[in-house]
Protein backbone atom coordinates (compact mmCIF):
# COMPACT_ATOMS: atom_id res chain seq x y z
CA UNK A 1 113.54 67.38 173.66
CA UNK A 2 112.15 64.04 172.61
CA UNK A 3 112.03 61.97 169.44
CA UNK A 4 109.23 59.82 168.17
CA UNK A 5 109.76 56.41 169.76
CA UNK A 6 110.29 54.35 166.65
CA UNK A 7 113.90 54.13 165.57
CA UNK A 8 116.38 56.55 167.06
CA UNK A 9 119.18 56.01 164.57
CA UNK A 10 120.58 59.17 163.03
CA UNK A 11 120.59 58.04 159.41
CA UNK A 12 121.04 61.60 158.17
CA UNK A 13 121.76 61.81 154.48
CA UNK A 14 123.49 64.56 152.55
CA UNK A 15 120.83 65.52 150.04
CA UNK A 16 123.05 67.98 148.20
CA UNK A 17 120.98 70.98 149.20
CA UNK A 18 123.82 73.21 150.36
CA UNK A 19 122.63 72.72 153.94
CA UNK A 20 125.17 70.62 155.79
CA UNK A 21 124.26 67.53 157.74
CA UNK A 22 123.32 69.65 160.74
CA UNK A 23 119.80 70.03 162.03
CA UNK A 24 117.07 71.96 160.26
CA UNK A 25 114.74 73.77 162.65
CA UNK A 26 110.99 74.25 162.30
CA UNK A 27 109.23 76.67 164.64
CA UNK A 28 105.58 75.74 165.10
CA UNK A 29 103.89 72.34 165.33
CA UNK A 30 100.58 73.33 163.77
CA UNK A 31 99.39 72.13 160.38
CA UNK A 32 102.12 73.87 158.39
CA UNK A 33 104.93 73.13 160.85
CA UNK A 34 104.19 69.41 160.87
CA UNK A 35 103.77 69.39 157.08
CA UNK A 36 107.14 71.07 156.52
CA UNK A 37 108.81 68.79 159.10
CA UNK A 38 107.39 65.87 157.12
CA UNK A 39 108.85 67.18 153.84
CA UNK A 40 112.28 67.57 155.44
CA UNK A 41 112.28 64.25 157.30
CA UNK A 42 111.13 62.27 154.26
CA UNK A 43 113.99 63.82 152.29
CA UNK A 44 116.53 62.55 154.84
CA UNK A 45 117.09 65.62 157.04
CA UNK A 46 117.24 65.68 160.81
CA UNK A 47 114.64 68.12 162.15
CA UNK A 48 114.08 69.85 165.47
CA UNK A 49 110.52 71.16 165.71
CA UNK A 50 109.76 73.73 168.42
CA UNK A 51 106.36 74.69 169.79
CA UNK A 52 105.56 76.14 173.24
CA UNK A 53 102.08 74.58 173.21
CA UNK A 54 101.75 71.31 175.11
CA UNK A 55 98.74 70.12 173.11
CA UNK A 56 100.41 70.75 169.75
CA UNK A 57 103.56 68.90 170.85
CA UNK A 58 101.54 66.02 172.27
CA UNK A 59 99.66 65.39 169.03
CA UNK A 60 102.46 66.25 166.58
CA UNK A 61 104.09 62.79 166.27
CA UNK A 62 100.75 61.14 165.46
CA UNK A 63 99.90 63.89 162.97
CA UNK A 64 103.31 63.43 161.34
CA UNK A 65 102.72 59.68 161.03
CA UNK A 66 99.26 60.27 159.54
CA UNK A 67 100.71 62.80 157.11
CA UNK A 68 103.39 60.41 155.88
CA UNK A 69 100.85 57.61 155.43
CA UNK A 70 98.49 59.89 153.50
CA UNK A 71 101.24 61.27 151.28
CA UNK A 72 102.46 57.79 150.40
CA UNK A 73 98.96 56.64 149.54
CA UNK A 74 98.29 59.67 147.36
CA UNK A 75 101.59 59.74 145.50
CA UNK A 76 101.87 55.92 145.42
CA UNK A 77 105.65 56.10 145.90
CA UNK A 78 107.87 55.80 148.96
CA UNK A 79 109.75 58.75 150.39
CA UNK A 80 113.53 58.97 150.23
CA UNK A 81 113.74 57.21 153.61
CA UNK A 82 111.51 54.57 155.28
CA UNK A 83 108.66 55.82 157.45
CA UNK A 84 110.25 54.77 160.74
CA UNK A 85 113.43 56.67 159.92
CA UNK A 86 111.46 59.74 158.87
CA UNK A 87 109.50 59.67 162.13
CA UNK A 88 112.64 59.20 164.21
CA UNK A 89 114.39 62.06 162.38
CA UNK A 90 112.09 64.64 163.98
CA UNK A 91 112.67 65.77 167.56
CA UNK A 92 109.86 67.69 169.26
CA UNK A 93 110.60 70.31 171.89
CA UNK A 94 109.19 73.35 173.65
CA UNK A 95 112.63 74.99 173.94
CA UNK A 96 113.83 77.41 171.26
CA UNK A 97 117.32 76.91 172.70
CA UNK A 98 117.29 73.41 171.16
CA UNK A 99 117.89 75.12 167.80
CA UNK A 100 121.41 76.11 168.89
CA UNK A 101 122.89 73.73 166.31
CA UNK A 102 120.47 74.42 163.46
CA UNK A 103 121.96 75.39 160.08
CA UNK A 104 118.60 76.44 158.62
CA UNK A 105 115.34 77.37 160.36
CA UNK A 106 111.82 77.67 158.94
CA UNK A 107 109.39 79.80 160.97
CA UNK A 108 105.77 78.55 161.04
CA UNK A 109 104.66 80.56 164.07
CA UNK A 110 101.22 82.23 164.09
CA UNK A 111 100.72 85.22 161.81
CA UNK A 112 101.11 87.96 164.40
CA UNK A 113 103.63 90.73 163.75
CA UNK A 114 104.86 91.27 167.36
CA UNK A 115 105.18 87.52 167.90
CA UNK A 116 107.23 86.98 164.75
CA UNK A 117 109.42 90.03 165.40
CA UNK A 118 110.27 88.68 168.85
CA UNK A 119 110.84 85.20 167.40
CA UNK A 120 113.40 86.50 164.89
CA UNK A 121 115.23 88.43 167.62
CA UNK A 122 115.36 85.25 169.68
CA UNK A 123 116.40 83.03 166.76
CA UNK A 124 119.21 85.46 165.98
CA UNK A 125 120.48 85.01 169.54
CA UNK A 126 120.08 81.21 169.63
CA UNK A 127 121.17 80.01 166.18
CA UNK A 128 124.72 79.89 164.78
CA UNK A 129 125.76 83.17 163.09
CA UNK A 130 125.82 81.54 159.65
CA UNK A 131 122.41 79.86 159.94
CA UNK A 132 119.72 80.88 157.44
CA UNK A 133 116.46 82.09 158.99
CA UNK A 134 113.48 81.55 156.68
CA UNK A 135 110.02 82.82 157.51
CA UNK A 136 106.88 81.07 156.36
CA UNK A 137 104.86 84.22 156.99
CA UNK A 138 101.73 84.68 154.91
CA UNK A 139 102.06 88.43 154.56
CA UNK A 140 104.62 90.16 156.82
CA UNK A 141 107.39 91.78 154.74
CA UNK A 142 110.63 89.83 155.07
CA UNK A 143 112.61 93.01 155.69
CA UNK A 144 110.51 93.77 158.77
CA UNK A 145 111.65 90.48 160.34
CA UNK A 146 115.20 90.63 158.97
CA UNK A 147 115.62 94.02 160.64
CA UNK A 148 115.19 92.32 164.03
CA UNK A 149 118.38 90.30 163.42
CA UNK A 150 122.09 90.95 163.01
CA UNK A 151 122.08 88.80 159.84
CA UNK A 152 119.54 90.38 157.45
CA UNK A 153 121.46 88.95 154.50
CA UNK A 154 120.63 85.45 155.81
CA UNK A 155 116.87 86.04 156.14
CA UNK A 156 114.30 85.29 153.42
CA UNK A 157 110.73 84.10 152.99
CA UNK A 158 109.75 80.51 152.18
CA UNK A 159 105.97 80.57 151.88
CA UNK A 160 104.82 76.94 151.72
CA UNK A 161 101.21 76.28 150.78
CA UNK A 162 98.92 73.87 152.61
CA UNK A 163 99.21 70.88 152.52
CA UNK A 164 102.98 71.31 152.24
CA UNK A 165 103.81 67.66 151.36
CA UNK A 166 101.43 67.73 148.37
CA UNK A 167 102.51 71.03 146.83
CA UNK A 168 105.18 71.12 144.14
CA UNK A 169 106.14 74.79 144.46
CA UNK A 170 107.00 77.28 147.21
CA UNK A 171 106.85 81.08 146.99
CA UNK A 172 110.38 82.23 147.89
CA UNK A 173 110.63 85.86 148.95
CA UNK A 174 113.91 87.70 148.54
CA UNK A 175 114.16 90.59 150.97
CA UNK A 176 116.07 93.72 149.98
CA UNK A 177 119.13 92.51 151.93
CA UNK A 178 118.86 88.76 151.25
CA UNK A 179 122.16 87.57 149.77
CA UNK A 180 122.57 85.51 146.61
CA UNK A 181 124.15 82.72 148.68
CA UNK A 182 121.14 82.60 151.01
CA UNK A 183 118.75 82.46 148.07
CA UNK A 184 120.80 79.67 146.46
CA UNK A 185 120.82 77.68 149.72
CA UNK A 186 117.04 77.95 150.06
CA UNK A 187 116.37 76.99 146.44
CA UNK A 188 118.73 74.02 146.69
CA UNK A 189 117.06 72.88 149.90
CA UNK A 190 113.66 73.01 148.20
CA UNK A 191 114.99 71.15 145.15
CA UNK A 192 116.17 68.41 147.52
CA UNK A 193 112.57 68.17 148.76
CA UNK A 194 111.33 67.78 145.18
CA UNK A 195 109.90 71.30 145.15
CA UNK A 196 110.45 74.30 142.90
CA UNK A 197 111.08 77.68 144.46
CA UNK A 198 109.37 80.56 142.66
CA UNK A 199 111.23 83.75 143.57
CA UNK A 200 109.41 87.04 144.12
CA UNK A 201 110.42 90.38 145.60
CA UNK A 202 109.46 91.53 149.09
CA UNK A 203 106.22 93.34 149.92
CA UNK A 204 103.12 92.83 152.10
CA UNK A 205 101.51 89.52 151.09
CA UNK A 206 104.09 89.03 148.31
CA UNK A 207 102.19 87.78 145.22
CA UNK A 208 100.08 84.93 146.58
CA UNK A 209 98.35 86.50 149.54
CA UNK A 210 98.28 90.06 148.25
CA UNK A 211 95.83 88.66 145.69
CA UNK A 212 94.30 85.63 147.45
CA UNK A 213 93.32 87.35 150.71
CA UNK A 214 91.38 90.05 148.86
CA UNK A 215 89.67 87.31 146.85
CA UNK A 216 88.63 85.34 149.94
CA UNK A 217 87.47 88.52 151.70
CA UNK A 218 85.38 89.62 148.71
CA UNK A 219 83.96 86.11 148.26
CA UNK A 220 82.91 86.14 151.92
CA UNK A 221 81.36 89.58 151.40
CA UNK A 222 79.31 88.19 148.48
CA UNK A 223 77.94 85.52 150.85
CA UNK A 224 77.34 88.12 153.57
CA UNK A 225 75.33 90.27 151.17
CA UNK A 226 73.21 87.33 150.01
CA UNK A 227 74.33 87.36 146.37
CA UNK A 228 75.14 83.63 146.50
CA UNK A 229 75.72 80.87 149.03
CA UNK A 230 79.26 79.47 149.59
CA UNK A 231 78.74 76.42 147.36
CA UNK A 232 77.60 78.62 144.47
CA UNK A 233 80.49 81.07 144.90
CA UNK A 234 82.99 78.22 144.72
CA UNK A 235 81.21 76.60 141.75
CA UNK A 236 81.62 79.82 139.77
CA UNK A 237 85.39 79.70 140.21
CA UNK A 238 85.68 75.95 139.70
CA UNK A 239 83.34 75.49 136.74
CA UNK A 240 83.58 78.87 135.01
CA UNK A 241 87.26 79.63 135.59
CA UNK A 242 88.61 76.09 135.92
CA UNK A 243 90.06 76.62 139.40
CA UNK A 244 90.73 73.39 141.27
CA UNK A 245 89.18 74.86 144.41
CA UNK A 246 87.00 77.91 144.94
CA UNK A 247 88.08 80.80 147.18
CA UNK A 248 85.88 79.88 150.16
CA UNK A 249 86.97 76.22 150.12
CA UNK A 250 90.53 77.52 149.88
CA UNK A 251 89.92 79.71 152.92
CA UNK A 252 88.54 76.70 154.81
CA UNK A 253 91.66 74.70 153.91
CA UNK A 254 94.01 77.46 155.07
CA UNK A 255 91.97 78.10 158.23
CA UNK A 256 89.66 81.09 158.58
CA UNK A 257 91.51 82.23 161.71
CA UNK A 258 94.69 82.40 159.65
CA UNK A 259 92.81 84.25 156.90
CA UNK A 260 91.64 86.88 159.40
CA UNK A 261 95.11 87.18 160.98
CA UNK A 262 96.66 87.62 157.52
CA UNK A 263 94.10 90.23 156.48
CA UNK A 264 94.86 92.26 159.61
CA UNK A 265 98.60 92.05 158.83
CA UNK A 266 97.96 93.29 155.29
CA UNK A 267 95.72 96.05 156.63
CA UNK A 268 98.47 97.21 159.01
CA UNK A 269 101.26 96.96 156.44
CA UNK A 270 99.41 98.62 153.55
CA UNK A 271 96.82 100.87 155.22
CA UNK A 272 94.39 99.66 152.54
CA UNK A 273 90.89 99.27 154.01
CA UNK A 274 90.06 96.59 151.43
CA UNK A 275 91.99 94.20 153.69
CA UNK A 276 89.67 94.75 156.66
CA UNK A 277 88.13 91.30 157.34
CA UNK A 278 84.44 91.34 156.49
CA UNK A 279 81.77 90.68 159.09
CA UNK A 280 81.03 87.13 157.84
CA UNK A 281 84.66 86.05 158.22
CA UNK A 282 84.90 87.52 161.70
CA UNK A 283 81.57 85.92 162.68
CA UNK A 284 82.71 82.43 161.66
CA UNK A 285 86.02 82.76 163.50
CA UNK A 286 84.33 84.05 166.66
CA UNK A 287 81.98 81.05 166.52
CA UNK A 288 84.97 78.67 166.23
CA UNK A 289 84.10 77.61 162.69
CA UNK A 290 87.64 77.78 161.31
CA UNK A 291 87.32 75.49 158.29
CA UNK A 292 88.54 71.95 157.69
CA UNK A 293 90.44 71.70 160.97
CA UNK A 294 87.25 72.19 163.02
CA UNK A 295 84.86 70.45 160.63
CA UNK A 296 83.01 73.59 159.62
CA UNK A 297 83.77 76.92 158.00
CA UNK A 298 82.01 78.15 154.88
CA UNK A 299 81.45 74.43 154.19
CA UNK A 300 81.05 71.38 156.43
CA UNK A 301 83.60 68.56 156.58
CA UNK A 302 83.77 65.03 157.92
CA UNK A 303 86.72 63.64 159.89
CA UNK A 304 87.90 67.05 161.10
CA UNK A 305 91.32 67.29 162.70
CA UNK A 306 91.00 67.54 166.47
CA UNK A 307 93.25 68.88 169.18
CA UNK A 308 95.25 71.30 167.04
CA UNK A 309 94.82 74.89 168.09
CA UNK A 310 95.94 76.41 164.84
CA UNK A 311 98.12 75.91 161.84
CA UNK A 312 98.89 77.68 158.56
């Protein structure tokens, strides 16, 4: 386990979130994992971020630094702690066992049901019995993951949107066995990050992706059928409906590989054929055109992020 090589002082602050001064774990060093680690570190928490991928770990510290710089330019205000302390607060590791002292863990692993089920079994073994296990899943029902643990009352969903440091709200999913204390801890943690938790009940895709994934899939189908090109589809939503970003640009931001993975999860969990990814989505993913992170998806982008295999 290694820290960024800036300033290795602890400097942990009690942010009043209900999570003690112990470590907060993040599983996954893709786009979402690094973004959530940034939110936590800038708020004064110590973070251990785990990813088995060498390339993701190798680039994560630089991506974290870039993320902090960008966030401070955009919001024109410093974080709760100086940049060097925020960078030094995050330890990067390939070993899940390094979460043995974590009081709260956020899962940002890829959206694959067997992978996440195994992860929650392993986290249950590794983490302290009273640790909260939060999943950032896009669509997998919380109860399905909670059932893989001996602490279902301490499992819930915390569905951050991308880019996590720029978003003011998080979809918080209360599973059927999630306790009131666990929900309170999660909401207090988010409040300490300057974010509002919006609580919804459990179900495939919750509210956000139950609706959004169908929208992206249908928008891609419209392109596939030649009704309109991607720019026109997005203009309809932006200029007619007042959306900040159209559905295809949103898909590019999320990552079209993640869109396809999430659609397959929804298809499996609901049996509803509407969630079958359309041919155009599958074609783009097969061609490696995953959206902003590769420089091309439904739209083309400059300054694409390189060297990151995936991220939600």
